C-alpha atoms as a PDB file:
ATOM      1  CA  MET A   1       0.000   0.000   0.000  1.00  0.00           C
ATOM      2  CA  LYS A   2       2.852   2.377   0.867  1.00  0.00           C
ATOM      3  CA  LEU A   3       4.568   1.564  -2.445  1.00  0.00           C
ATOM      4  CA  LYS A   4       1.380   2.367  -4.385  1.00  0.00           C
ATOM      5  CA  ARG A   5       1.055   5.729  -2.599  1.00  0.00           C
ATOM      6  CA  ASN A   6       4.700   6.580  -3.390  1.00  0.00           C
ATOM      7  CA  ILE A   7       4.251   5.678  -7.067  1.00  0.00           C
ATOM      8  CA  LEU A   8       1.146   7.867  -7.296  1.00  0.00           C
ATOM      9  CA  ARG A   9       3.009  10.723  -5.622  1.00  0.00           C
ATOM     10  CA  LEU A  10       5.864  10.419  -8.152  1.00  0.00           C
ATOM     11  CA  LEU A  11       3.440  10.391 -11.094  1.00  0.00           C
ATOM     12  CA  ILE A  12       1.707  13.506  -9.763  1.00  0.00           C
ATOM     13  CA  LEU A  13       5.011  15.326  -9.277  1.00  0.00           C
ATOM     14  CA  ALA A  14       6.105  14.339 -12.775  1.00  0.00           C
ATOM     15  CA  GLY A  15       2.931  15.920 -14.136  1.00  0.00           C
ATOM     16  CA  LEU A  16       1.556  12.649 -15.459  1.00  0.00           C
ATOM     17  CA  LEU A  17      -1.440  12.631 -13.124  1.00  0.00           C
ATOM     18  CA  GLU A  18      -3.630  15.406 -11.733  1.00  0.00           C
ATOM     19  CA  GLY A  19      -3.742  15.684  -7.984  1.00  0.00           C
ATOM     20  CA  LYS A  20      -2.265  17.349  -4.964  1.00  0.00           C
ATOM     21  CA  PRO A  21       1.521  17.475  -5.203  1.00  0.00           C
ATOM     22  CA  ALA A  22       3.522  16.526  -2.138  1.00  0.00           C
ATOM     23  CA  LEU A  23       3.828  19.502   0.181  1.00  0.00           C
ATOM     24  CA  SER A  24       7.492  18.779   0.746  1.00  0.00           C
ATOM     25  CA  LYS A  25       8.285  19.521  -2.931  1.00  0.00           C
ATOM     26  CA  PRO A  26       8.355  23.321  -3.425  1.00  0.00           C
ATOM     27  CA  VAL A  27       8.270  24.913  -6.858  1.00  0.00           C
ATOM     28  CA  GLY A  28      11.802  25.624  -8.077  1.00  0.00           C
ATOM     29  CA  LYS A  29      12.083  29.310  -9.000  1.00  0.00           C
ATOM     30  CA  MET A  30      14.275  28.675 -12.070  1.00  0.00           C
ATOM     31  CA  HIS A  31      11.972  25.993 -13.446  1.00  0.00           C
ATOM     32  CA  ALA A  32       8.908  28.142 -12.723  1.00  0.00           C
ATOM     33  CA  GLU A  33      10.440  31.099 -14.586  1.00  0.00           C
ATOM     34  CA  GLU A  34      11.260  28.901 -17.585  1.00  0.00           C
ATOM     35  CA  LEU A  35       7.740  27.489 -17.594  1.00  0.00           C
ATOM     36  CA  MET A  36       6.208  30.985 -17.453  1.00  0.00           C
ATOM     37  CA  ILE A  37       8.418  32.243 -20.295  1.00  0.00           C
ATOM     38  CA  ARG A  38       7.329  29.265 -22.390  1.00  0.00           C
ATOM     39  CA  LEU A  39       3.705  29.775 -21.392  1.00  0.00           C
ATOM     40  CA  ASP A  40       3.773  33.514 -22.217  1.00  0.00           C
ATOM     41  CA  ARG A  41       5.223  32.703 -25.629  1.00  0.00           C
ATOM     42  CA  MET A  42       2.543  30.047 -26.259  1.00  0.00           C
ATOM     43  CA  LEU A  43      -0.277  32.353 -25.206  1.00  0.00           C
ATOM     44  CA  ILE A  44       0.920  35.185 -27.460  1.00  0.00           C
ATOM     45  CA  THR A  45       1.901  33.090 -30.475  1.00  0.00           C
ATOM     46  CA  ASN A  46      -1.192  30.883 -30.529  1.00  0.00           C
ATOM     47  CA  ARG A  47      -3.562  33.436 -28.927  1.00  0.00           C
ATOM     48  CA  LEU A  48      -4.824  30.683 -26.624  1.00  0.00           C
ATOM     49  CA  PHE A  49      -6.379  33.324 -24.356  1.00  0.00           C
ATOM     50  CA  THR A  50      -8.996  34.116 -27.023  1.00  0.00           C
ATOM     51  CA  SER A  51     -10.802  30.873 -26.251  1.00  0.00           C
ATOM     52  CA  PRO A  52     -13.540  31.479 -23.665  1.00  0.00           C
ATOM     53  CA  SER A  53     -13.390  27.784 -22.761  1.00  0.00           C
ATOM     54  CA  LEU A  54      -9.685  27.918 -21.813  1.00  0.00           C
ATOM     55  CA  THR A  55      -9.221  26.354 -18.389  1.00  0.00           C
ATOM     56  CA  ILE A  56      -6.141  25.977 -16.266  1.00  0.00           C
ATOM     57  CA  ARG A  57      -6.288  22.233 -16.872  1.00  0.00           C
ATOM     58  CA  LYS A  58      -6.237  22.728 -20.682  1.00  0.00           C
ATOM     59  CA  LEU A  59      -3.460  25.295 -20.442  1.00  0.00           C
ATOM     60  CA  ALA A  60      -1.401  23.002 -18.207  1.00  0.00           C
ATOM     61  CA  ARG A  61      -1.808  20.188 -20.720  1.00  0.00           C
ATOM     62  CA  GLU A  62      -0.566  22.520 -23.501  1.00  0.00           C
ATOM     63  CA  ALA A  63       2.399  23.492 -21.317  1.00  0.00           C
ATOM     64  CA  GLY A  64       3.209  19.880 -20.460  1.00  0.00           C
ATOM     65  CA  THR A  65       2.546  20.080 -16.722  1.00  0.00           C
ATOM     66  CA  ASN A  66      -0.340  19.672 -14.293  1.00  0.00           C
ATOM     67  CA  ARG A  67      -2.787  22.362 -13.179  1.00  0.00           C
ATOM     68  CA  THR A  68      -1.574  22.497  -9.577  1.00  0.00           C
ATOM     69  CA  TYR A  69       2.013  23.118 -10.573  1.00  0.00           C
ATOM     70  CA  LEU A  70       0.988  25.673 -13.204  1.00  0.00           C
ATOM     71  CA  SER A  71      -1.181  27.508 -10.696  1.00  0.00           C
ATOM     72  CA  ARG A  72       1.720  27.688  -8.245  1.00  0.00           C
ATOM     73  CA  CYS A  73       4.077  28.972 -10.936  1.00  0.00           C
ATOM     74  CA  ILE A  74       1.633  31.712 -11.946  1.00  0.00           C
ATOM     75  CA  ARG A  75       1.227  32.775  -8.314  1.00  0.00           C
ATOM     76  CA  ILE A  76       4.983  32.750  -7.639  1.00  0.00           C
ATOM     77  CA  ILE A  77       6.222  34.410 -10.840  1.00  0.00           C
ATOM     78  CA  LYS A  78       3.317  36.641 -11.918  1.00  0.00           C
ATOM     79  CA  ARG A  79       1.915  37.255  -8.408  1.00  0.00           C
ATOM     80  CA  VAL A  80      -1.686  36.843  -9.613  1.00  0.00           C
ATOM     81  CA  ASN A  81      -4.120  33.962  -9.876  1.00  0.00           C
ATOM     82  CA  TYR A  82      -4.863  32.080 -13.100  1.00  0.00           C
ATOM     83  CA  CYS A  83      -7.983  34.106 -13.983  1.00  0.00           C
ATOM     84  CA  ASP A  84      -6.242  37.455 -13.554  1.00  0.00           C
ATOM     85  CA  TYR A  85      -3.277  36.175 -15.571  1.00  0.00           C
ATOM     86  CA  ILE A  86      -5.430  35.130 -18.548  1.00  0.00           C
ATOM     87  CA  ASN A  87      -7.669  38.195 -18.281  1.00  0.00           C
ATOM     88  CA  SER A  88      -4.629  40.481 -18.524  1.00  0.00           C
ATOM     89  CA  TYR A  89      -3.894  38.998 -21.962  1.00  0.00           C
ATOM     90  CA  ARG A  90      -7.538  39.361 -22.933  1.00  0.00           C
ATOM     91  CA  LEU A  91      -7.655  42.996 -21.813  1.00  0.00           C
ATOM     92  CA  ASP A  92      -4.428  43.835 -23.656  1.00  0.00           C
ATOM     93  CA  TYR A  93      -5.879  42.283 -26.812  1.00  0.00           C
ATOM     94  CA  ALA A  94      -9.204  44.113 -26.396  1.00  0.00           C
ATOM     95  CA  VAL A  95      -7.383  47.449 -26.016  1.00  0.00           C
ATOM     96  CA  GLU A  96      -5.310  46.615 -29.088  1.00  0.00           C
ATOM     97  CA  ILE A  97      -8.531  46.061 -31.072  1.00  0.00           C
ATOM     98  CA  ILE A  98     -10.122  49.262 -29.735  1.00  0.00           C
ATOM     99  CA  GLU A  99      -7.034  51.346 -30.516  1.00  0.00           C
ATOM    100  CA  SER A 100      -6.608  49.894 -33.995  1.00  0.00           C
ATOM    101  CA  SER A 101     -10.190  50.639 -35.066  1.00  0.00           C
ATOM    102  CA  HIS A 102     -10.780  54.055 -36.561  1.00  0.00           C
ATOM    103  CA  SER A 103     -14.490  54.120 -35.830  1.00  0.00           C
ATOM    104  CA  ARG A 104     -16.968  52.510 -33.471  1.00  0.00           C
ATOM    105  CA  LYS A 105     -16.705  49.188 -35.319  1.00  0.00           C
ATOM    106  CA  PRO A 106     -16.442  46.433 -34.095  1.00  0.00           C
ATOM    107  CA  GLY A 107     -18.942  46.610 -31.249  1.00  0.00           C
ATOM    108  CA  LEU A 108     -17.841  46.130 -27.663  1.00  0.00           C
ATOM    109  CA  ALA A 109     -19.734  42.846 -27.361  1.00  0.00           C
ATOM    110  CA  GLU A 110     -17.842  41.567 -30.394  1.00  0.00           C
ATOM    111  CA  ILE A 111     -14.532  42.815 -28.965  1.00  0.00           C
ATOM    112  CA  SER A 112     -15.170  40.988 -25.701  1.00  0.00           C
ATOM    113  CA  GLU A 113     -15.940  37.833 -27.667  1.00  0.00           C
ATOM    114  CA  LEU A 114     -12.825  38.213 -29.858  1.00  0.00           C
ATOM    115  CA  ALA A 115     -10.679  38.714 -26.755  1.00  0.00           C
ATOM    116  CA  GLY A 116     -11.998  35.492 -25.217  1.00  0.00           C
ATOM    117  CA  PHE A 117     -14.185  36.778 -22.407  1.00  0.00           C
ATOM    118  CA  PRO A 118     -17.062  34.401 -21.675  1.00  0.00           C
ATOM    119  CA  ASN A 119     -19.550  37.297 -21.657  1.00  0.00           C
ATOM    120  CA  HIS A 120     -19.762  41.061 -22.048  1.00  0.00           C
ATOM    121  CA  ARG A 121     -20.425  41.604 -18.336  1.00  0.00           C
ATOM    122  CA  SER A 122     -17.167  39.970 -17.233  1.00  0.00           C
ATOM    123  CA  PHE A 123     -15.304  41.962 -19.903  1.00  0.00           C
ATOM    124  CA  THR A 124     -16.722  45.246 -18.611  1.00  0.00           C
ATOM    125  CA  LYS A 125     -16.033  44.328 -14.989  1.00  0.00           C
ATOM    126  CA  CYS A 126     -12.383  43.412 -15.699  1.00  0.00           C
ATOM    127  CA  PHE A 127     -11.928  46.499 -17.875  1.00  0.00           C
ATOM    128  CA  ILE A 128     -13.226  48.847 -15.166  1.00  0.00           C
ATOM    129  CA  SER A 129     -11.058  47.104 -12.578  1.00  0.00           C
ATOM    130  CA  ARG A 130      -7.914  47.667 -14.640  1.00  0.00           C
ATOM    131  CA  TYR A 131      -8.542  51.013 -16.361  1.00  0.00           C
ATOM    132  CA  GLY A 132     -11.054  52.710 -14.056  1.00  0.00           C
ATOM    133  CA  LYS A 133     -13.521  53.296 -16.890  1.00  0.00           C
ATOM    134  CA  THR A 134     -15.864  51.288 -19.072  1.00  0.00           C
ATOM    135  CA  PRO A 135     -14.725  50.049 -22.483  1.00  0.00           C
ATOM    136  CA  SER A 136     -17.080  52.506 -24.196  1.00  0.00           C
ATOM    137  CA  GLU A 137     -15.636  55.440 -22.215  1.00  0.00           C
ATOM    138  CA  PHE A 138     -12.138  54.242 -23.096  1.00  0.00           C
ATOM    139  CA  ARG A 139     -13.050  54.025 -26.789  1.00  0.00           C
ATOM    140  CA  ARG A 140     -14.695  57.493 -26.784  1.00  0.00           C
ATOM    141  CA  GLU A 141     -11.583  59.027 -25.215  1.00  0.00           C
ATOM    142  CA  HIS A 142      -9.349  57.208 -27.674  1.00  0.00           C
ATOM    143  CA  LEU A 143     -11.388  58.388 -30.669  1.00  0.00           C
ATOM    144  CA  ARG A 144     -11.481  61.957 -29.335  1.00  0.00           C
ATOM    145  CA  ARG A 145      -7.731  61.980 -28.683  1.00  0.00           C
ATOM    146  CA  ASN A 146      -6.663  60.507 -32.002  1.00  0.00           C
ATOM    147  CA  PHE A 147      -9.274  61.405 -34.594  1.00  0.00           C
ATOM    148  CA  CYS A 148     -10.608  64.865 -33.739  1.00  0.00           C
END
């Protein structure tokens, strides 16, 4: 029984099984930084963040690790949780779309969908949290600043 438990623990630590990693095995800072660099590159290159159905489990599978380890790495290196990490990419992309459009097209609901937010309400809430204004206020100010 003890042998079986040790084998399961090793498989979990190796990222081959999902589960709680052993508490005695801390995340190595160097490995975590390398993983986050690779993950940032994957997210930008493949625009994985634009999928509203992206979960930490799917992202961990893409990165070749398990969700627990990935979550720890995000917290240690980026100092945010998984949702805030992904939403920062989505917000950056939404702002990029807003700033590249020379008129009111596309609509904000479409922008939130393109950026990967599951709904317009969560997009607006995250946008206000980061920029202190709604996406429509941001767009109005941008249009006024650059096209008047």
